[in-house]
């Protein structure tokens, strides 16, 4: 009888540690994805054309003739 209790306890500990490790791995992957997305957004902002058309040309309705 005691062997079954030990076995169930050991299986419970193993399952708990496995789930804990998988949760940490999933959290780490999510942080990596977020960091990659932030880096892509930062590179896009750095490489973007910072002159928009309204900065260079006035809207057609407001052009002084």
PDB file of N, CA and C in Angstrom:
ATOM      1  N   UNK A   1       0.820  -1.196   0.000  1.00  0.00           N
ATOM      2  CA  UNK A   1       0.000   0.000   0.000  1.00  0.00           C
ATOM      3  C   UNK A   1       0.863   1.258   0.000  1.00  0.00           C
ATOM      4  N   UNK A   2       1.901   1.244   0.810  1.00  0.00           N
ATOM      5  CA  UNK A   2       2.779   2.417   0.888  1.00  0.00           C
ATOM      6  C   UNK A   2       3.516   2.640  -0.429  1.00  0.00           C
ATOM      7  N   UNK A   3       3.791   1.536  -1.146  1.00  0.00           N
ATOM      8  CA  UNK A   3       4.487   1.673  -2.420  1.00  0.00           C
ATOM      9  C   UNK A   3       3.642   2.475  -3.403  1.00  0.00           C
ATOM     10  N   UNK A   4       2.336   2.259  -3.381  1.00  0.00           N
ATOM     11  CA  UNK A   4       1.450   2.988  -4.284  1.00  0.00           C
ATOM     12  C   UNK A   4       1.412   4.477  -3.935  1.00  0.00           C
ATOM     13  N   UNK A   5       1.422   4.767  -2.663  1.00  0.00           N
ATOM     14  CA  UNK A   5       1.438   6.177  -2.238  1.00  0.00           C
ATOM     15  C   UNK A   5       2.737   6.835  -2.678  1.00  0.00           C
ATOM     16  N   UNK A   6       3.856   6.140  -2.518  1.00  0.00           N
ATOM     17  CA  UNK A   6       5.138   6.680  -2.978  1.00  0.00           C
ATOM     18  C   UNK A   6       5.130   6.884  -4.489  1.00  0.00           C
ATOM     19  N   UNK A   7       4.604   5.896  -5.204  1.00  0.00           N
ATOM     20  CA  UNK A   7       4.559   5.967  -6.662  1.00  0.00           C
ATOM     21  C   UNK A   7       3.696   7.144  -7.121  1.00  0.00           C
ATOM     22  N   UNK A   8       2.537   7.306  -6.522  1.00  0.00           N
ATOM     23  CA  UNK A   8       1.649   8.417  -6.882  1.00  0.00           C
ATOM     24  C   UNK A   8       2.315   9.748  -6.550  1.00  0.00           C
ATOM     25  N   UNK A   9       2.993   9.830  -5.422  1.00  0.00           N
ATOM     26  CA  UNK A   9       3.685  11.062  -5.035  1.00  0.00           C
ATOM     27  C   UNK A   9       4.800  11.387  -6.018  1.00  0.00           C
ATOM     28  N   UNK A  10       5.578  10.400  -6.393  1.00  0.00           N
ATOM     29  CA  UNK A  10       6.678  10.623  -7.336  1.00  0.00           C
ATOM     30  C   UNK A  10       6.133  11.028  -8.701  1.00  0.00           C
ATOM     31  N   UNK A  11       5.085  10.354  -9.161  1.00  0.00           N
ATOM     32  CA  UNK A  11       4.482  10.712 -10.452  1.00  0.00           C
ATOM     33  C   UNK A  11       3.926  12.133 -10.394  1.00  0.00           C
ATOM     34  N   UNK A  12       3.311  12.491  -9.281  1.00  0.00           N
ATOM     35  CA  UNK A  12       2.791  13.853  -9.124  1.00  0.00           C
ATOM     36  C   UNK A  12       3.891  14.894  -9.177  1.00  0.00           C
ATOM     37  N   UNK A  13       4.998  14.632  -8.506  1.00  0.00           N
ATOM     38  CA  UNK A  13       6.124  15.572  -8.513  1.00  0.00           C
ATOM     39  C   UNK A  13       6.712  15.686  -9.913  1.00  0.00           C
ATOM     40  N   UNK A  14       6.857  14.564 -10.603  1.00  0.00           N
ATOM     41  CA  UNK A  14       7.404  14.578 -11.963  1.00  0.00           C
ATOM     42  C   UNK A  14       6.480  15.355 -12.895  1.00  0.00           C
ATOM     43  N   UNK A  15       5.181  15.114 -12.821  1.00  0.00           N
ATOM     44  CA  UNK A  15       4.235  15.841 -13.671  1.00  0.00           C
ATOM     45  C   UNK A  15       4.234  17.333 -13.353  1.00  0.00           C
ATOM     46  N   UNK A  16       4.283  17.672 -12.072  1.00  0.00           N
ATOM     47  CA  UNK A  16       4.309  19.081 -11.673  1.00  0.00           C
ATOM     48  C   UNK A  16       5.557  19.772 -12.218  1.00  0.00           C
ATOM     49  N   UNK A  17       6.714  19.124 -12.107  1.00  0.00           N
ATOM     50  CA  UNK A  17       7.944  19.741 -12.607  1.00  0.00           C
ATOM     51  C   UNK A  17       7.925  19.850 -14.130  1.00  0.00           C
ATOM     52  N   UNK A  18       7.352  18.862 -14.815  1.00  0.00           N
ATOM     53  CA  UNK A  18       7.252  18.912 -16.272  1.00  0.00           C
ATOM     54  C   UNK A  18       6.351  20.061 -16.716  1.00  0.00           C
ATOM     55  N   UNK A  19       5.205  20.210 -16.087  1.00  0.00           N
ATOM     56  CA  UNK A  19       4.295  21.308 -16.427  1.00  0.00           C
ATOM     57  C   UNK A  19       4.948  22.649 -16.118  1.00  0.00           C
ATOM     58  N   UNK A  20       5.655  22.733 -15.006  1.00  0.00           N
ATOM     59  CA  UNK A  20       6.338  23.975 -14.637  1.00  0.00           C
ATOM     60  C   UNK A  20       7.404  24.331 -15.667  1.00  0.00           C
ATOM     61  N   UNK A  21       8.172  23.349 -16.111  1.00  0.00           N
ATOM     62  CA  UNK A  21       9.213  23.587 -17.112  1.00  0.00           C
ATOM     63  C   UNK A  21       8.599  23.997 -18.449  1.00  0.00           C
ATOM     64  N   UNK A  22       7.508  23.347 -18.858  1.00  0.00           N
ATOM     65  CA  UNK A  22       6.838  23.704 -20.110  1.00  0.00           C
ATOM     66  C   UNK A  22       6.254  25.112 -20.041  1.00  0.00           C
ATOM     67  N   UNK A  23       5.736  25.498 -18.890  1.00  0.00           N
ATOM     68  CA  UNK A  23       5.191  26.842 -18.724  1.00  0.00           C
ATOM     69  C   UNK A  23       6.302  27.885 -18.822  1.00  0.00           C
ATOM     70  N   UNK A  24       7.440  27.612 -18.209  1.00  0.00           N
ATOM     71  CA  UNK A  24       8.577  28.535 -18.307  1.00  0.00           C
ATOM     72  C   UNK A  24       9.058  28.654 -19.744  1.00  0.00           C
ATOM     73  N   UNK A  25       9.077  27.536 -20.461  1.00  0.00           N
ATOM     74  CA  UNK A  25       9.523  27.552 -21.854  1.00  0.00           C
ATOM     75  C   UNK A  25       8.556  28.364 -22.716  1.00  0.00           C
ATOM     76  N   UNK A  26       7.256  28.196 -22.498  1.00  0.00           N
ATOM     77  CA  UNK A  26       6.263  28.952 -23.267  1.00  0.00           C
ATOM     78  C   UNK A  26       6.363  30.442 -22.958  1.00  0.00           C
ATOM     79  N   UNK A  27       6.593  30.781 -21.712  1.00  0.00           N
ATOM     80  CA  UNK A  27       6.742  32.191 -21.327  1.00  0.00           C
ATOM     81  C   UNK A  27       7.992  32.787 -21.963  1.00  0.00           C
ATOM     82  N   UNK A  28       9.081  32.022 -22.006  1.00  0.00           N
ATOM     83  CA  UNK A  28      10.318  32.496 -22.616  1.00  0.00           C
ATOM     84  C   UNK A  28      10.124  32.710 -24.119  1.00  0.00           C
ATOM     85  N   UNK A  29       9.413  31.787 -24.779  1.00  0.00           N
ATOM     86  CA  UNK A  29       9.156  31.946 -26.214  1.00  0.00           C
ATOM     87  C   UNK A  29       8.302  33.180 -26.479  1.00  0.00           C
ATOM     88  N   UNK A  30       7.325  33.452 -25.614  1.00  0.00           N
ATOM     89  CA  UNK A  30       6.472  34.630 -25.781  1.00  0.00           C
ATOM     90  C   UNK A  30       7.295  35.905 -25.626  1.00  0.00           C
ATOM     91  N   UNK A  31       8.206  35.929 -24.655  1.00  0.00           N
ATOM     92  CA  UNK A  31       9.064  37.106 -24.472  1.00  0.00           C
ATOM     93  C   UNK A  31       9.981  37.294 -25.678  1.00  0.00           C
ATOM     94  N   UNK A  32      10.499  36.196 -26.229  1.00  0.00           N
ATOM     95  CA  UNK A  32      11.350  36.294 -27.418  1.00  0.00           C
ATOM     96  C   UNK A  32      10.575  36.846 -28.606  1.00  0.00           C
ATOM     97  N   UNK A  33       9.346  36.359 -28.797  1.00  0.00           N
ATOM     98  CA  UNK A  33       8.521  36.871 -29.904  1.00  0.00           C
ATOM     99  C   UNK A  33       8.240  38.360 -29.738  1.00  0.00           C
ATOM    100  N   UNK A  34       7.951  38.778 -28.503  1.00  0.00           N
ATOM    101  CA  UNK A  34       7.669  40.190 -28.249  1.00  0.00           C
ATOM    102  C   UNK A  34       8.913  41.032 -28.504  1.00  0.00           C
ATOM    103  N   UNK A  35      10.076  40.543 -28.111  1.00  0.00           N
ATOM    104  CA  UNK A  35      11.312  41.283 -28.336  1.00  0.00           C
ATOM    105  C   UNK A  35      11.609  41.385 -29.830  1.00  0.00           C
ATOM    106  N   UNK A  36      11.376  40.320 -30.581  1.00  0.00           N
ATOM    107  CA  UNK A  36      11.589  40.363 -32.029  1.00  0.00           C
ATOM    108  C   UNK A  36      10.638  41.361 -32.664  1.00  0.00           C
ATOM    109  N   UNK A  37       9.367  41.361 -32.235  1.00  0.00           N
ATOM    110  CA  UNK A  37       8.397  42.312 -32.784  1.00  0.00           C
ATOM    111  C   UNK A  37       8.802  43.743 -32.457  1.00  0.00           C
ATOM    112  N   UNK A  38       9.293  43.979 -31.252  1.00  0.00           N
ATOM    113  CA  UNK A  38       9.745  45.323 -30.879  1.00  0.00           C
ATOM    114  C   UNK A  38      10.944  45.740 -31.722  1.00  0.00           C
ATOM    115  N   UNK A  39      11.867  44.813 -31.961  1.00  0.00           N
ATOM    116  CA  UNK A  39      13.036  45.146 -32.775  1.00  0.00           C
ATOM    117  C   UNK A  39      12.641  45.442 -34.214  1.00  0.00           C
ATOM    118  N   UNK A  40      11.694  44.681 -34.764  1.00  0.00           N
ATOM    119  CA  UNK A  40      11.233  44.927 -36.132  1.00  0.00           C
ATOM    120  C   UNK A  40      10.565  46.291 -36.213  1.00  0.00           C
ATOM    121  N   UNK A  41       9.726  46.613 -35.236  1.00  0.00           N
ATOM    122  CA  UNK A  41       9.059  47.918 -35.235  1.00  0.00           C
ATOM    123  C   UNK A  41      10.085  49.039 -35.111  1.00  0.00           C
ATOM    124  N   UNK A  42      11.092  48.846 -34.278  1.00  0.00           N
ATOM    125  CA  UNK A  42      12.134  49.869 -34.109  1.00  0.00           C
ATOM    126  C   UNK A  42      12.921  50.054 -35.406  1.00  0.00           C
ATOM    127  N   UNK A  43      13.247  48.949 -36.094  1.00  0.00           N
ATOM    128  CA  UNK A  43      13.976  49.051 -37.363  1.00  0.00           C
ATOM    129  C   UNK A  43      13.115  49.722 -38.427  1.00  0.00           C
ATOM    130  N   UNK A  44      11.821  49.402 -38.443  1.00  0.00           N
ATOM    131  CA  UNK A  44      10.936  50.035 -39.415  1.00  0.00           C
ATOM    132  C   UNK A  44      10.853  51.535 -39.187  1.00  0.00           C
ATOM    133  N   UNK A  45      10.777  51.951 -37.938  1.00  0.00           N
ATOM    134  CA  UNK A  45      10.740  53.385 -37.651  1.00  0.00           C
ATOM    135  C   UNK A  45      12.052  54.056 -38.033  1.00  0.00           C
ATOM    136  N   UNK A  46      13.152  53.383 -37.774  1.00  0.00           N
ATOM    137  CA  UNK A  46      14.457  53.960 -38.082  1.00  0.00           C
ATOM    138  C   UNK A  46      14.660  54.085 -39.591  1.00  0.00           C
ATOM    139  N   UNK A  47      14.177  53.104 -40.347  1.00  0.00           N
ATOM    140  CA  UNK A  47      14.402  53.087 -41.786  1.00  0.00           C
ATOM    141  C   UNK A  47      13.288  53.755 -42.584  1.00  0.00           C
ATOM    142  N   UNK A  48      12.264  54.230 -41.909  1.00  0.00           N
ATOM    143  CA  UNK A  48      11.121  54.777 -42.643  1.00  0.00           C
ATOM    144  C   UNK A  48      11.462  56.146 -43.219  1.00  0.00           C
ATOM    145  N   UNK A  49      10.698  56.508 -44.241  1.00  0.00           N
ATOM    146  CA  UNK A  49      10.821  57.837 -44.831  1.00  0.00           C
ATOM    147  C   UNK A  49      10.107  58.793 -43.895  1.00  0.00           C
ATOM    148  N   UNK A  50      10.839  59.714 -43.327  1.00  0.00           N
ATOM    149  CA  UNK A  50      10.265  60.579 -42.311  1.00  0.00           C
ATOM    150  C   UNK A  50       9.601  61.810 -42.904  1.00  0.00           C
ATOM    151  N   UNK A  51       9.521  61.913 -44.223  1.00  0.00           N
ATOM    152  CA  UNK A  51       8.820  63.022 -44.849  1.00  0.00           C
ATOM    153  C   UNK A  51       7.523  62.496 -45.429  1.00  0.00           C
ATOM    154  N   UNK A  52       6.447  62.968 -44.892  1.00  0.00           N
ATOM    155  CA  UNK A  52       5.144  62.601 -45.417  1.00  0.00           C
ATOM    156  C   UNK A  52       4.740  63.628 -46.453  1.00  0.00           C
ATOM    157  N   UNK A  53       3.767  63.303 -47.266  1.00  0.00           N
ATOM    158  CA  UNK A  53       3.392  64.203 -48.362  1.00  0.00           C
ATOM    159  C   UNK A  53       2.862  65.524 -47.842  1.00  0.00           C
ATOM    160  N   UNK A  54       2.162  65.527 -46.736  1.00  0.00           N
ATOM    161  CA  UNK A  54       1.635  66.798 -46.244  1.00  0.00           C
ATOM    162  C   UNK A  54       2.738  67.687 -45.680  1.00  0.00           C
ATOM    163  N   UNK A  55       3.899  67.125 -45.369  1.00  0.00           N
ATOM    164  CA  UNK A  55       5.029  67.952 -44.940  1.00  0.00           C
ATOM    165  C   UNK A  55       5.703  68.606 -46.136  1.00  0.00           C
ATOM    166  N   UNK A  56       5.680  67.954 -47.279  1.00  0.00           N
ATOM    167  CA  UNK A  56       6.388  68.434 -48.458  1.00  0.00           C
ATOM    168  C   UNK A  56       5.468  69.259 -49.346  1.00  0.00           C
ATOM    169  N   UNK A  57       4.259  68.792 -49.563  1.00  0.00           N
ATOM    170  CA  UNK A  57       3.312  69.478 -50.441  1.00  0.00           C
ATOM    171  C   UNK A  57       2.063  69.833 -49.644  1.00  0.00           C
ATOM    172  N   UNK A  58       1.589  71.057 -49.779  1.00  0.00           N
ATOM    173  CA  UNK A  58       0.338  71.393 -49.095  1.00  0.00           C
ATOM    174  C   UNK A  58      -0.832  70.685 -49.775  1.00  0.00           C
ATOM    175  N   UNK A  59      -1.910  70.452 -49.060  1.00  0.00           N
ATOM    176  CA  UNK A  59      -3.076  69.832 -49.688  1.00  0.00           C
ATOM    177  C   UNK A  59      -3.586  70.681 -50.846  1.00  0.00           C
ATOM    178  N   UNK A  60      -4.173  70.040 -51.828  1.00  0.00           N
ATOM    179  CA  UNK A  60      -4.567  70.736 -53.056  1.00  0.00           C
ATOM    180  C   UNK A  60      -5.586  71.829 -52.803  1.00  0.00           C
ATOM    181  N   UNK A  61      -6.472  71.643 -51.869  1.00  0.00           N
ATOM    182  CA  UNK A  61      -7.486  72.657 -51.600  1.00  0.00           C
ATOM    183  C   UNK A  61      -6.915  73.905 -50.961  1.00  0.00           C
ATOM    184  N   UNK A  62      -5.736  73.832 -50.372  1.00  0.00           N
ATOM    185  CA  UNK A  62      -5.146  74.969 -49.673  1.00  0.00           C
ATOM    186  C   UNK A  62      -3.995  75.603 -50.438  1.00  0.00           C
ATOM    187  N   UNK A  63      -3.744  75.174 -51.673  1.00  0.00           N
ATOM    188  CA  UNK A  63      -2.644  75.721 -52.461  1.00  0.00           C
ATOM    189  C   UNK A  63      -2.987  77.154 -52.852  1.00  0.00           C
ATOM    190  N   UNK A  64      -2.063  78.097 -52.575  1.00  0.00           N
ATOM    191  CA  UNK A  64      -2.270  79.496 -52.954  1.00  0.00           C
ATOM    192  C   UNK A  64      -1.861  79.665 -54.402  1.00  0.00           C
ATOM    193  N   UNK A  65      -2.764  80.229 -55.191  1.00  0.00           N
ATOM    194  CA  UNK A  65      -2.460  80.416 -56.607  1.00  0.00           C
ATOM    195  C   UNK A  65      -2.308  81.876 -56.927  1.00  0.00           C
TER     196      UNK A  65
END
